[in-house]
Every structure is written in structure tokens, then in C-alpha cells.
Amino acid sequence: MDYKKLGKILKYSRVAAGLSQQYVADIINKTPQNISSWELGKSRIDMDSFEILCGIYKIPFVDTLNRIVNEHAEPEYMGYLDSEIMSNYKKLDYTGKNFVKQAIYLALQTADIAEDED
């Protein structure tokens, strides 16, 4: 999984929501350093925290993960988390998979636009 790309999405979404790292950290019982590390792709975010952040930022959880995993994960190199995500994705029906793909695509487009503006 490309944690740097995921981090860019998280950072963009947080900034777009007008929230500080401190505020988000307080909400989810983490430190601002955790938030920063996730946004920079320096550490892996746990799925519980990621799901909570998606809710706070109003971004689609499954769609975001699907795009990151499908673009960058090689099955033979996948870790436990990547395998779990792919397993859950494979259980979705056609509509669910398309929903996930569209949401992640939109999130990444938004993140790429923000990166171009920096």
C-alpha cells in the first residue's frame, strides 16, 4: 500500500475540512505527531483510526483504500493489512466495487490537485 499517497489524501481532507492536527488528534485520542506521521506516509495508520478519520473528513473509507491497494499492491508483497483489505474488497458485489473505485478515484484526483497547488 502506498502510505505516502494515502497520507496526502488524509492531509488534504483534513485541511479541506478546516481542522488542525491537534484538533483531530484530540478527537481520536492520538497525538499530533501521529497525525503528522500518517500524513507524511512515515508510519502506517491503523484501520480503526483511518475509518474514524474518514468519517471526520467525510471521505469514503473503502473507496480510498481500494484505489491505493489496486494501484500499488503486488500480491506476493502484500502484508496482512493489504491482504485483509483485498479479501474484503473481493467480497463486494459489482456495484460495491464500482462505488469503491469511484470514491477513491475522486479522492486521489482531489489530492493530486492540492499537490499541484503547493
Protein backbone atom coordinates (compact mmCIF):
# COMPACT_ATOMS: atom_id res chain seq x y z
CA MET A 1 0.00 0.00 0.00
CA ASP A 2 1.28 3.46 -0.85
CA TYR A 3 1.19 5.18 2.55
CA LYS A 4 2.58 8.43 1.15
CA LYS A 5 -0.31 8.75 -1.28
CA LEU A 6 -2.76 7.82 1.46
CA GLY A 7 -1.13 10.43 3.68
CA LYS A 8 -1.59 13.10 1.03
CA ILE A 9 -5.28 12.26 0.85
CA LEU A 10 -5.57 12.45 4.63
CA LYS A 11 -3.76 15.78 4.82
CA TYR A 12 -5.75 17.33 2.01
CA SER A 13 -9.02 16.11 3.51
CA ARG A 14 -8.12 17.47 6.96
CA VAL A 15 -7.12 20.86 5.59
CA ALA A 16 -10.21 20.99 3.38
CA ALA A 17 -12.33 20.33 6.47
CA GLY A 18 -10.58 23.25 8.21
CA LEU A 19 -9.23 21.10 11.03
CA SER A 20 -5.86 21.27 12.77
CA GLN A 21 -3.74 18.23 13.54
CA GLN A 22 -4.18 18.99 17.24
CA TYR A 23 -7.97 19.06 16.97
CA VAL A 24 -8.10 15.77 15.06
CA ALA A 25 -5.61 14.16 17.45
CA ASP A 26 -7.78 15.16 20.41
CA ILE A 27 -10.88 13.68 18.80
CA ILE A 28 -9.31 10.28 18.11
CA ASN A 29 -7.12 10.07 21.22
CA LYS A 30 -3.81 10.26 19.34
CA THR A 31 -1.01 12.79 19.29
CA PRO A 32 -0.49 15.49 16.65
CA GLN A 33 2.74 13.64 15.87
CA ASN A 34 0.69 10.56 14.94
CA ILE A 35 -1.43 12.64 12.57
CA SER A 36 1.66 14.22 11.02
CA SER A 37 3.42 10.89 10.61
CA TRP A 38 0.39 9.38 8.87
CA GLU A 39 0.02 12.40 6.59
CA LEU A 40 3.68 12.19 5.59
CA GLY A 41 3.45 8.45 4.99
CA LYS A 42 6.14 7.81 7.60
CA SER A 43 4.06 5.37 9.62
CA ARG A 44 1.17 3.04 8.94
CA ILE A 45 -2.22 4.09 10.18
CA ASP A 46 -4.34 1.50 11.96
CA MET A 47 -7.67 0.74 10.31
CA ASP A 48 -9.76 1.90 13.28
CA SER A 49 -8.12 5.33 13.22
CA PHE A 50 -8.34 5.50 9.43
CA GLU A 51 -12.05 4.70 9.49
CA ILE A 52 -12.66 7.38 12.13
CA LEU A 53 -10.67 9.94 10.12
CA CYS A 54 -12.67 9.12 7.01
CA GLY A 55 -15.84 9.86 8.96
CA ILE A 56 -14.47 13.12 10.35
CA TYR A 57 -13.20 14.23 6.93
CA LYS A 58 -16.26 12.88 5.09
CA ILE A 59 -14.25 10.78 2.65
CA PRO A 60 -15.18 7.23 1.58
CA PHE A 61 -13.24 4.65 3.62
CA VAL A 62 -13.43 1.61 1.34
CA ASP A 63 -13.06 3.56 -1.88
CA THR A 64 -9.92 5.28 -0.71
CA LEU A 65 -8.30 2.01 0.33
CA ASN A 66 -9.35 0.27 -2.86
CA ARG A 67 -7.65 2.81 -5.09
CA ILE A 68 -4.42 2.75 -3.11
CA VAL A 69 -4.30 -1.05 -2.91
CA ASN A 70 -5.24 -1.68 -6.55
CA GLU A 71 -2.69 0.76 -7.91
CA HIS A 72 0.29 -0.22 -5.83
CA ALA A 73 -0.01 -3.58 -4.11
CA GLU A 74 1.65 -6.62 -5.58
CA PRO A 75 0.01 -9.78 -4.22
CA GLU A 76 3.29 -11.52 -3.39
CA TYR A 77 4.44 -8.50 -1.35
CA MET A 78 1.19 -7.75 0.40
CA GLY A 79 1.24 -7.55 4.17
CA TYR A 80 -1.52 -8.70 6.48
CA LEU A 81 -3.45 -5.43 6.26
CA ASP A 82 -3.24 -5.32 2.47
CA SER A 83 -4.45 -8.92 2.26
CA GLU A 84 -7.35 -8.19 4.60
CA ILE A 85 -8.40 -5.17 2.55
CA MET A 86 -8.25 -7.11 -0.70
CA SER A 87 -10.17 -10.00 0.86
CA ASN A 88 -12.96 -7.67 1.95
CA TYR A 89 -12.96 -5.92 -1.42
CA LYS A 90 -13.33 -9.23 -3.25
CA LYS A 91 -16.47 -9.94 -1.21
CA LEU A 92 -18.21 -6.86 -2.61
CA ASP A 93 -20.67 -7.18 -5.46
CA TYR A 94 -20.18 -5.33 -8.75
CA THR A 95 -21.98 -2.20 -7.53
CA GLY A 96 -19.95 -2.10 -4.32
CA LYS A 97 -16.66 -2.44 -6.18
CA ASN A 98 -17.58 0.34 -8.59
CA PHE A 99 -18.59 2.58 -5.72
CA VAL A 100 -15.25 1.97 -4.05
CA LYS A 101 -13.32 2.64 -7.27
CA GLN A 102 -15.15 5.89 -7.99
CA ALA A 103 -14.75 7.28 -4.49
CA ILE A 104 -11.04 6.52 -4.33
CA TYR A 105 -10.52 7.95 -7.80
CA LEU A 106 -12.22 11.19 -6.76
CA ALA A 107 -10.24 11.37 -3.53
CA LEU A 108 -6.95 10.91 -5.37
CA GLN A 109 -7.86 13.47 -8.01
CA THR A 110 -8.58 15.93 -5.24
CA ALA A 111 -5.27 15.11 -3.55
CA ASP A 112 -3.36 15.50 -6.82
CA ILE A 113 -4.97 18.89 -7.46
CA ALA A 114 -3.97 20.04 -3.98
CA GLU A 115 -0.41 18.82 -4.51
CA ASP A 116 -0.19 20.75 -7.79
CA GLU A 117 -1.28 23.92 -5.96
CA ASP A 118 1.54 23.58 -3.38
